[in-house]
């Protein structure tokens, strides 16, 4: 296993009127490759802030963040874009697919935005890996919720990142579809990915290797 994410005394403070809000208040943690970690906590616990910072979508007020051994604290957005593209794939509860495009076209979107030519062989291999082979020419609005999430997972894998960050990835799925997605996450973790899941569903969290429980911006366990 490789230490893929490491935070030290991670803080995110901001002012709201005369009040100082401590969204994160000294979080120390490490996450390894080949590991599924669930991040849990009530609303206001700092869970979303934590996920945004380790996903390099936001910057901490204080403390350090290392991604794949590189200290990325204080990087400008242009550098963070490169870090995200190289290391991190994102999966969301609402899928964020374009319904008028096919499954394959949705998967190719990150490459198109980066003005890169899609590698058809790679895409076909990914489609087979997630169980969507043969469905690539269907419209994204024509498949089940479980298949839509598999499309978003495939899109997240397009740059072969080290880290998958999933925000409530099973929140809109039926139990069978939820089980299929978790099985796929387990296969990805076994092959080397670090999977970090933000969830309110403790049955999902209990399937993880570890749980990071946040409250009031601090790690409880």
Foldseek 3Di string as FASTA:
>chain_A
DAFFKWWFQFWAWDDDPPDIATLAGTETDIFFFLFEEEEEEDPSLNRVVVLCPQLLVDATPDTWMDGRNRTCHPPDPVVSVVVNLAAEFEAEQVLPADQVAFLQVRLCVVCVVVVHDQDVVLLQVLCVLLVNRPRRRPGLVPDDLLVSRSSSVSSRCRNPHQEYEYEQNCVPDDPVSVVSVLVSVSVNRNVTHYYYYYDHDVVSNVSTPYYFYGGSNYTPD
